[in-house]
Amino acid sequence: MASERTAVEDDEPPEAATAATAAVGGPESGPVAGISPDRTAGPGPDPEHDHGDAPAGSPGSLGHPGRFGHLGQPLRFNPFLTGFTFGLGALLAYAIYLAVRNAGSVLMLVFIALFLAIGLNPAVARLRSWGLPRGLAVAAVALSLLLLIAGGVYALVPPLISQTGEFIEQLPSYVEQLRRSETVNELVVQYDLVERIKSAASMENVSRALGGVFGGARFVFGAIFNVLTVLILTIYFMAAFDRLRELGYGLVPASRRERVRLIGDAILAKVGAYLVGALAIALLAGVSTFVFSVVVGLAYPFALAVVVAICDLIPQIGATIGAILVSVVGFATDVPTGIACVVFFLVYQQLENYLIYPRVMRRSVEVNDVAAIVAALLGVALFGVIGALVAIPAVAAIQLVLREVVLPRQDLR
C-alpha cells in the first residue's frame, strides 16, 4: 500500500501538490483568506477586525495591524451617546452661566478697577519718565486719588450733618406751626390722619421701617466696601501693570506678537486719554457750578460743585442728575434762585454735550463726534453706567483695529 500511495503521489501534477500543501497549512502555503502574508500561519477571518477591501500590507488592513494595533470597527451613530453628549454640553454651559451671573458683582468691581488702572497708567508712566521707581510712582498716583476722594467726602459730609442737625432742632417748631395751622387741622379731621398715624405706628409697620433702615445701612456699608475694594484692586493692577500686559502679549503667537503689541499699546493709550478727558470735563463742570453757586448765593457751593463733578463723570445722564440736585437746592432757597439754576444748567448742558464733550473726546481719543454720542447712548442702553464709561474707548479701539488691520487687508485683496 505504501508503494502504491507513493506511486500515486508521484503521478500527481505540481499544481495539485501545491493546493494540497496549502490546504493543510504547509510551510510553502501562499497568502489566502485568513492568513497574514508575513506569518506562516494565521487565524481565520475575524469580523471584529475586518476592514473591507483594504489592500494587504496597508495600515488598517487585515494583514497590517497599523501603528497602534488593529483599529477596530468604524464609529457608528449612536442616538443615546449623541444625546447624552449634547446634554452634558448644555449642563456645562448653564453651569458657566450661573457662575458668571452669581459672580457678576465681583467681576464688575474687577472690571472697574482694571479700567481705572489702565486710565491712570499714563500718569504712572509720566512719573517714571521723571526718574521715579515704579513703586513710588504708583504710590504717588494712589495717594493723589485718595486725597481727591477724601476731599470729596470732606465737602459732602459736613453739610449733611449740619443740615440734619438743624432739621432735628427745628422739628418741634415745625410741629407747632402745623398744629396752629387751620388748613392742616381741617385736613386732619377730613382725612382722619390721627387714626392713620396710630395704625402706621403699629409694631408691624415699625418692624418694616426698621428693616428699611437696616437695609439702607447695609446698602451704605456695601457701597463703602465696594469703593475700598475697587481702590485696592486699582492699586494692585497699577503696580503689576507691566507684568499683566506682558502676560497678555505672551499668549499671542510669536509671529504676530509685535503687531499685537503695537495695536494693544495704542488702545491702552486711548483708554488713558479718555479718562484724562473725562476728568477734565468733570472738573470744568464742577468749577462752573461753584462759580454760579457763589454768584447766586447758594448754600455750600463747594459741596454742590463736588456733586456735579462726580455726577458728570457718568456720560449723558450724570450731568442731568447733578443739575436736578442743584436745582432742588435752589428752589429750597427761593423760587427765583431755583429758576436761575434751571436756566444755567440748561445752557451749560447744551454747551457741554454738543461743544465741549465732542471736542475733548475727538482730541484725546480721536473719535468722531457723532460716533462718540451714539456710542455713549448705546452703552447706556445696553450696559448702564458701566457701558457708558467704556463705550467711547471701545469705539476708539474698534476704529484703530479697522484702520490698522482690516482695511489694509482689504486693500491687498
Protein backbone atom coordinates (compact mmCIF):
# COMPACT_ATOMS: atom_id res chain seq x y z
CA MET A 1 0.00 0.00 0.00
CA ALA A 2 2.83 2.30 0.76
CA SER A 3 4.34 1.76 -2.64
CA GLU A 4 1.02 2.30 -4.37
CA ARG A 5 0.47 5.58 -2.43
CA THR A 6 3.97 6.73 -3.35
CA ALA A 7 3.32 5.98 -6.96
CA VAL A 8 0.08 7.83 -6.95
CA GLU A 9 1.68 10.87 -5.27
CA ASP A 10 4.48 10.76 -7.85
CA ASP A 11 1.91 10.83 -10.64
CA GLU A 12 0.07 13.95 -9.22
CA PRO A 13 0.74 17.21 -11.03
CA PRO A 14 2.68 20.00 -9.22
CA GLU A 15 -0.42 22.24 -9.02
CA ALA A 16 -2.33 19.61 -7.11
CA ALA A 17 0.53 19.10 -4.70
CA THR A 18 0.73 22.80 -4.06
CA ALA A 19 -3.01 23.05 -3.38
CA ALA A 20 -2.85 20.09 -1.04
CA THR A 21 0.05 21.57 0.83
CA ALA A 22 -1.77 24.89 1.18
CA ALA A 23 -4.90 23.12 2.40
CA VAL A 24 -3.05 21.60 5.34
CA GLY A 25 -1.15 24.81 6.09
CA GLY A 26 2.22 23.63 4.87
CA PRO A 27 5.32 25.77 5.05
CA GLU A 28 5.07 26.78 1.40
CA SER A 29 1.47 27.99 1.60
CA GLY A 30 0.72 31.31 -0.08
CA PRO A 31 -1.47 34.22 1.02
CA VAL A 32 -5.02 33.12 1.32
CA ALA A 33 -8.04 34.35 3.24
CA GLY A 34 -7.46 34.49 6.96
CA ILE A 35 -3.66 34.17 6.81
CA SER A 36 -1.28 37.07 7.11
CA PRO A 37 1.39 37.19 4.42
CA ASP A 38 4.13 37.84 6.96
CA ARG A 39 3.12 34.91 9.16
CA THR A 40 3.45 31.22 8.44
CA ALA A 41 0.01 30.61 9.81
CA GLY A 42 -2.76 32.84 10.98
CA PRO A 43 -6.28 32.77 12.31
CA GLY A 44 -9.28 32.69 10.11
CA PRO A 45 -11.40 35.69 9.17
CA ASP A 46 -12.03 37.97 12.17
CA PRO A 47 -15.23 40.01 11.78
CA GLU A 48 -14.15 42.40 14.52
CA HIS A 49 -11.01 43.37 12.59
CA ASP A 50 -12.36 43.09 9.07
CA HIS A 51 -11.69 46.35 7.21
CA GLY A 52 -13.35 45.55 3.94
CA ASP A 53 -11.31 45.59 0.76
CA ALA A 54 -8.22 47.37 2.11
CA PRO A 55 -5.10 46.17 0.29
CA ALA A 56 -2.92 43.68 2.10
CA GLY A 57 0.02 45.22 3.86
CA SER A 58 -1.59 48.70 4.10
CA PRO A 59 -2.25 50.29 7.52
CA GLY A 60 -5.60 49.23 8.84
CA SER A 61 -5.87 46.18 6.58
CA LEU A 62 -6.22 42.63 7.82
CA GLY A 63 -2.58 41.87 7.29
CA HIS A 64 -1.26 45.07 8.92
CA PRO A 65 -2.29 45.99 12.45
CA GLY A 66 -1.40 49.63 11.95
CA ARG A 67 0.75 51.85 14.14
CA PHE A 68 -1.37 51.37 17.25
CA GLY A 69 -2.69 47.87 16.57
CA HIS A 70 -5.95 46.89 14.96
CA LEU A 71 -8.24 49.90 14.52
CA GLY A 72 -11.48 48.01 15.03
CA GLN A 73 -14.81 48.86 13.52
CA PRO A 74 -15.55 52.45 12.48
CA LEU A 75 -17.62 54.57 14.85
CA ARG A 76 -21.33 54.33 14.30
CA PHE A 77 -24.02 56.92 15.04
CA ASN A 78 -25.45 56.22 18.48
CA PRO A 79 -28.53 58.33 19.33
CA PHE A 80 -28.15 57.76 23.05
CA LEU A 81 -24.47 58.70 23.12
CA THR A 82 -25.10 61.79 20.96
CA GLY A 83 -27.98 62.97 23.13
CA PHE A 84 -26.00 62.35 26.29
CA THR A 85 -23.05 64.37 24.95
CA PHE A 86 -25.27 67.30 23.96
CA GLY A 87 -26.98 67.14 27.36
CA LEU A 88 -23.65 67.34 29.17
CA GLY A 89 -22.64 70.29 26.99
CA ALA A 90 -25.88 72.12 27.77
CA LEU A 91 -25.49 71.49 31.51
CA LEU A 92 -21.91 72.74 31.40
CA ALA A 93 -22.93 75.90 29.54
CA TYR A 94 -25.73 76.54 32.05
CA ALA A 95 -23.35 75.99 34.98
CA ILE A 96 -20.92 78.53 33.49
CA TYR A 97 -23.77 80.98 33.02
CA LEU A 98 -24.86 80.60 36.66
CA ALA A 99 -21.28 81.03 37.86
CA VAL A 100 -20.82 84.22 35.85
CA ARG A 101 -24.20 85.58 36.98
CA ASN A 102 -23.52 84.87 40.64
CA ALA A 103 -20.06 86.41 40.40
CA GLY A 104 -21.29 89.32 38.29
CA SER A 105 -20.93 91.93 41.03
CA VAL A 106 -17.38 90.84 41.83
CA LEU A 107 -16.43 90.70 38.15
CA MET A 108 -17.86 94.19 37.72
CA LEU A 109 -15.63 95.51 40.52
CA VAL A 110 -12.62 93.85 38.92
CA PHE A 111 -13.51 95.35 35.55
CA ILE A 112 -13.88 98.87 37.00
CA ALA A 113 -10.57 98.55 38.83
CA LEU A 114 -8.81 97.36 35.68
CA PHE A 115 -10.34 100.20 33.67
CA LEU A 116 -9.15 102.75 36.24
CA ALA A 117 -5.68 101.19 36.32
CA ILE A 118 -5.41 101.45 32.53
CA GLY A 119 -6.59 105.06 32.68
CA LEU A 120 -4.16 106.01 35.44
CA ASN A 121 -1.18 104.17 33.96
CA PRO A 122 -0.13 107.18 31.78
CA ALA A 123 0.30 109.21 34.97
CA VAL A 124 2.49 106.43 36.40
CA ALA A 125 4.50 106.34 33.16
CA ARG A 126 4.98 110.12 33.28
CA LEU A 127 6.30 109.94 36.84
CA ARG A 128 8.63 107.11 35.86
CA SER A 129 9.97 109.21 32.99
CA TRP A 130 10.98 111.78 35.62
CA GLY A 131 13.18 109.16 37.31
CA LEU A 132 10.86 107.77 39.99
CA PRO A 133 10.79 103.99 40.54
CA ARG A 134 7.56 102.28 39.65
CA GLY A 135 6.67 101.65 43.28
CA LEU A 136 6.97 105.33 44.21
CA ALA A 137 5.12 106.39 41.05
CA VAL A 138 2.21 104.06 41.85
CA ALA A 139 2.20 105.27 45.46
CA ALA A 140 2.09 108.91 44.35
CA VAL A 141 -0.82 108.31 41.96
CA ALA A 142 -2.71 106.25 44.56
CA LEU A 143 -2.15 108.93 47.21
CA SER A 144 -3.45 111.62 44.85
CA LEU A 145 -6.54 109.52 44.17
CA LEU A 146 -7.15 109.01 47.88
CA LEU A 147 -6.77 112.74 48.53
CA LEU A 148 -9.36 113.51 45.85
CA ILE A 149 -11.79 111.05 47.41
CA ALA A 150 -11.12 112.40 50.89
CA GLY A 151 -11.68 115.95 49.65
CA GLY A 152 -15.00 114.98 48.15
CA VAL A 153 -16.10 113.25 51.34
CA TYR A 154 -15.00 116.26 53.41
CA ALA A 155 -17.02 118.53 51.15
CA LEU A 156 -20.18 116.41 51.34
CA VAL A 157 -20.35 115.04 54.88
CA PRO A 158 -20.29 118.31 56.94
CA PRO A 159 -23.23 119.86 55.04
CA LEU A 160 -25.26 116.69 55.50
CA ILE A 161 -24.51 116.57 59.22
CA SER A 162 -25.24 120.26 59.74
CA GLN A 163 -28.47 120.16 57.74
CA THR A 164 -29.64 117.06 59.63
CA GLY A 165 -28.84 118.70 62.97
CA GLU A 166 -30.67 121.88 62.03
CA PHE A 167 -33.72 119.87 60.95
CA ILE A 168 -33.80 117.98 64.25
CA GLU A 169 -33.51 121.24 66.21
CA GLN A 170 -36.26 122.91 64.25
CA LEU A 171 -38.58 119.87 64.25
CA PRO A 172 -40.58 120.93 67.39
CA SER A 173 -41.21 124.37 65.93
CA TYR A 174 -42.33 122.80 62.65
CA VAL A 175 -44.79 120.59 64.52
CA GLU A 176 -46.11 123.56 66.48
CA GLN A 177 -46.64 125.55 63.31
CA LEU A 178 -48.55 122.66 61.81
CA ARG A 179 -50.78 122.40 64.86
CA ARG A 180 -51.67 126.10 64.70
CA SER A 181 -52.47 125.98 61.00
CA GLU A 182 -56.25 125.90 60.34
CA THR A 183 -55.72 124.31 56.95
CA VAL A 184 -53.73 121.46 58.47
CA ASN A 185 -56.36 120.92 61.18
CA GLU A 186 -59.10 120.71 58.57
CA LEU A 187 -57.09 118.15 56.62
CA VAL A 188 -56.51 116.14 59.79
CA VAL A 189 -60.24 116.00 60.51
CA GLN A 190 -61.26 115.42 56.90
CA TYR A 191 -58.88 112.52 56.20
CA ASP A 192 -58.72 111.13 59.78
CA LEU A 193 -54.95 111.48 59.85
CA VAL A 194 -54.68 110.79 63.59
CA GLU A 195 -56.03 107.25 63.27
CA ARG A 196 -53.89 106.61 60.24
CA ILE A 197 -50.80 107.72 62.11
CA LYS A 198 -51.69 105.42 65.02
CA SER A 199 -52.18 102.47 62.68
CA ALA A 200 -48.94 103.28 60.94
CA ALA A 201 -47.20 103.26 64.32
CA SER A 202 -48.10 99.60 64.94
CA MET A 203 -45.37 97.08 65.68
CA GLU A 204 -45.60 95.51 62.24
CA ASN A 205 -45.04 98.80 60.46
CA VAL A 206 -42.31 99.74 62.92
CA SER A 207 -40.53 96.46 62.18
CA ARG A 208 -40.86 97.16 58.46
CA ALA A 209 -39.44 100.62 58.95
CA LEU A 210 -36.54 99.22 60.95
CA GLY A 211 -35.97 96.69 58.21
CA GLY A 212 -35.83 99.54 55.73
CA VAL A 213 -33.39 101.40 57.96
CA PHE A 214 -31.17 98.36 58.31
CA GLY A 215 -31.43 97.79 54.57
CA GLY A 216 -30.29 101.35 53.97
CA ALA A 217 -27.40 100.89 56.40
CA ARG A 218 -26.46 97.65 54.63
CA PHE A 219 -26.51 99.50 51.31
CA VAL A 220 -24.26 102.25 52.66
CA PHE A 221 -21.73 99.85 54.14
CA GLY A 222 -21.86 97.75 50.97
CA ALA A 223 -21.11 100.82 48.88
CA ILE A 224 -18.17 101.71 51.14
CA PHE A 225 -16.86 98.14 50.87
CA ASN A 226 -17.14 98.22 47.07
CA VAL A 227 -15.29 101.53 46.86
CA LEU A 228 -12.46 100.22 49.05
CA THR A 229 -12.30 97.01 47.00
CA VAL A 230 -12.03 98.97 43.76
CA LEU A 231 -9.30 101.18 45.23
CA ILE A 232 -7.24 98.22 46.44
CA LEU A 233 -7.61 96.37 43.14
CA THR A 234 -6.75 99.52 41.19
CA ILE A 235 -3.53 99.98 43.15
CA TYR A 236 -2.63 96.33 42.63
CA PHE A 237 -3.30 96.49 38.89
CA MET A 238 -1.22 99.67 38.58
CA ALA A 239 1.68 98.03 40.44
CA ALA A 240 1.52 94.87 38.29
CA PHE A 241 0.50 96.59 35.06
CA ASP A 242 3.65 95.78 33.08
CA ARG A 243 3.63 92.13 34.13
CA LEU A 244 -0.04 91.72 33.27
CA ARG A 245 0.45 93.38 29.90
CA GLU A 246 3.42 91.17 29.02
CA LEU A 247 1.47 88.11 30.13
CA GLY A 248 -1.36 89.05 27.80
CA TYR A 249 1.02 89.60 24.89
CA GLY A 250 2.74 86.29 25.68
CA LEU A 251 -0.47 84.44 24.89
CA VAL A 252 -0.25 85.64 21.27
CA PRO A 253 1.80 83.58 18.75
CA ALA A 254 5.33 84.90 18.33
CA SER A 255 4.84 85.61 14.63
CA ARG A 256 2.08 88.15 15.42
CA ARG A 257 3.20 89.33 18.85
CA GLU A 258 4.94 92.50 17.74
CA ARG A 259 1.96 93.63 15.67
CA VAL A 260 -0.45 92.90 18.52
CA ARG A 261 1.83 94.72 20.95
CA LEU A 262 1.76 97.90 18.86
CA ILE A 263 -2.04 97.85 18.49
CA GLY A 264 -2.57 96.92 22.15
CA ASP A 265 -0.34 99.73 23.42
CA ALA A 266 -2.21 102.18 21.20
CA ILE A 267 -5.56 101.01 22.60
CA LEU A 268 -4.32 101.29 26.19
CA ALA A 269 -3.08 104.82 25.46
CA LYS A 270 -6.51 105.78 24.14
CA VAL A 271 -8.20 104.47 27.30
CA GLY A 272 -5.87 106.62 29.40
CA ALA A 273 -6.51 109.64 27.20
CA TYR A 274 -10.25 109.11 27.51
CA LEU A 275 -10.08 109.03 31.31
CA VAL A 276 -8.00 112.22 31.35
CA GLY A 277 -10.52 113.91 29.07
CA ALA A 278 -13.46 112.78 31.21
CA LEU A 279 -11.76 114.12 34.35
CA ALA A 280 -11.10 117.44 32.62
CA ILE A 281 -14.77 117.77 31.60
CA ALA A 282 -15.93 116.89 35.12
CA LEU A 283 -13.52 119.43 36.63
CA LEU A 284 -14.82 122.11 34.28
CA ALA A 285 -18.43 121.30 35.27
CA GLY A 286 -17.54 121.48 38.96
CA VAL A 287 -15.73 124.81 38.64
CA SER A 288 -18.62 126.30 36.65
CA THR A 289 -21.12 125.13 39.27
CA PHE A 290 -19.01 126.56 42.10
CA VAL A 291 -18.80 129.96 40.43
CA PHE A 292 -22.53 130.01 39.70
CA SER A 293 -23.41 128.92 43.25
CA VAL A 294 -21.29 131.71 44.74
CA VAL A 295 -22.86 134.30 42.42
CA VAL A 296 -26.49 133.38 43.20
CA GLY A 297 -25.78 132.76 46.89
CA LEU A 298 -26.47 129.03 47.22
CA ALA A 299 -25.51 127.33 50.46
CA TYR A 300 -22.46 125.03 50.43
CA PRO A 301 -21.21 125.88 46.93
CA PHE A 302 -18.14 123.64 47.22
CA ALA A 303 -20.25 120.61 48.12
CA LEU A 304 -22.58 121.28 45.20
CA ALA A 305 -19.60 121.60 42.86
CA VAL A 306 -18.24 118.23 44.04
CA VAL A 307 -21.63 116.58 43.48
CA VAL A 308 -21.88 117.96 39.95
CA ALA A 309 -18.28 116.92 39.13
CA ILE A 310 -18.84 113.36 40.36
CA CYS A 311 -22.12 113.04 38.52
CA ASP A 312 -20.59 114.49 35.36
CA LEU A 313 -18.21 111.53 35.15
CA ILE A 314 -21.24 109.49 34.06
CA PRO A 315 -21.76 110.25 30.35
CA GLN A 316 -25.09 111.58 29.12
CA ILE A 317 -27.15 111.12 32.31
CA GLY A 318 -24.72 112.23 35.01
CA ALA A 319 -24.88 115.93 34.19
CA THR A 320 -28.69 115.82 34.33
CA ILE A 321 -28.63 114.20 37.78
CA GLY A 322 -26.27 116.87 39.10
CA ALA A 323 -28.39 119.64 37.60
CA ILE A 324 -31.54 118.29 39.27
CA LEU A 325 -29.86 118.15 42.68
CA VAL A 326 -28.55 121.70 42.46
CA SER A 327 -31.91 122.98 41.16
CA VAL A 328 -33.69 121.39 44.13
CA VAL A 329 -31.35 123.24 46.48
CA GLY A 330 -32.02 126.41 44.53
CA PHE A 331 -35.81 126.08 44.83
CA ALA A 332 -35.40 125.32 48.53
CA THR A 333 -33.65 128.69 48.85
CA ASP A 334 -36.26 130.64 46.87
CA VAL A 335 -38.12 130.37 43.58
CA PRO A 336 -36.03 132.90 41.55
CA THR A 337 -32.84 131.12 42.57
CA GLY A 338 -34.31 127.78 41.51
CA ILE A 339 -35.33 129.19 38.13
CA ALA A 340 -31.83 130.61 37.68
CA CYS A 341 -30.36 127.15 38.41
CA VAL A 342 -32.59 125.53 35.82
CA VAL A 343 -31.67 128.10 33.15
CA PHE A 344 -27.96 127.83 33.95
CA PHE A 345 -27.83 124.05 33.64
CA LEU A 346 -29.95 124.00 30.51
CA VAL A 347 -27.48 126.32 28.80
CA TYR A 348 -24.39 124.62 30.22
CA GLN A 349 -25.52 121.12 29.28
CA GLN A 350 -26.12 122.16 25.69
CA LEU A 351 -22.60 123.59 25.55
CA GLU A 352 -21.10 120.50 27.18
CA ASN A 353 -22.98 117.89 25.16
CA TYR A 354 -22.54 119.45 21.72
CA LEU A 355 -19.40 121.57 22.01
CA ILE A 356 -17.09 120.69 24.93
CA TYR A 357 -17.53 116.90 25.16
CA PRO A 358 -17.16 116.08 21.43
CA ARG A 359 -14.14 118.38 21.04
CA VAL A 360 -12.31 116.95 24.05
CA MET A 361 -13.03 113.37 23.04
CA ARG A 362 -12.04 113.98 19.44
CA ARG A 363 -8.73 115.46 20.53
CA SER A 364 -7.91 112.88 23.23
CA VAL A 365 -9.39 109.66 21.83
CA GLU A 366 -9.67 110.63 18.12
CA VAL A 367 -13.29 109.54 17.89
CA ASN A 368 -15.78 111.17 15.57
CA ASP A 369 -18.32 113.48 17.25
CA VAL A 370 -21.33 111.52 16.04
CA ALA A 371 -19.64 108.22 16.94
CA ALA A 372 -18.93 109.47 20.48
CA ILE A 373 -22.55 110.48 21.10
CA VAL A 374 -24.02 107.32 19.54
CA ALA A 375 -21.56 105.10 21.43
CA ALA A 376 -22.44 106.71 24.76
CA LEU A 377 -26.18 106.31 24.11
CA LEU A 378 -25.80 102.66 23.11
CA GLY A 379 -23.55 101.96 26.09
CA VAL A 380 -26.15 103.35 28.49
CA ALA A 381 -28.94 101.39 26.82
CA LEU A 382 -27.05 98.08 26.80
CA PHE A 383 -24.94 98.04 29.98
CA GLY A 384 -26.00 101.04 32.04
CA VAL A 385 -23.39 103.26 33.68
CA ILE A 386 -20.51 100.86 33.01
CA GLY A 387 -21.46 100.71 29.35
CA ALA A 388 -21.45 104.50 29.17
CA LEU A 389 -17.95 104.60 30.69
CA VAL A 390 -16.39 102.09 28.28
CA ALA A 391 -18.38 102.93 25.15
CA ILE A 392 -16.07 105.61 23.78
CA PRO A 393 -12.79 103.72 24.44
CA ALA A 394 -14.37 100.66 22.82
CA VAL A 395 -15.26 102.69 19.72
CA ALA A 396 -11.71 104.08 19.63
CA ALA A 397 -10.30 100.54 19.82
CA ILE A 398 -12.61 99.33 17.04
CA GLN A 399 -11.62 102.26 14.83
CA LEU A 400 -7.94 101.51 15.44
CA VAL A 401 -8.31 97.83 14.56
CA LEU A 402 -10.27 98.69 11.42
CA ARG A 403 -7.71 101.26 10.31
CA GLU A 404 -4.60 99.19 11.06
CA VAL A 405 -5.72 95.62 10.35
CA VAL A 406 -8.98 95.21 8.46
CA LEU A 407 -8.69 97.96 5.85
CA PRO A 408 -5.05 97.14 4.84
CA ARG A 409 -6.01 93.51 4.34
CA GLN A 410 -8.94 94.51 2.18
CA ASP A 411 -6.66 96.74 0.09
CA LEU A 412 -4.29 93.84 -0.56
CA ARG A 413 -7.00 91.59 -1.98
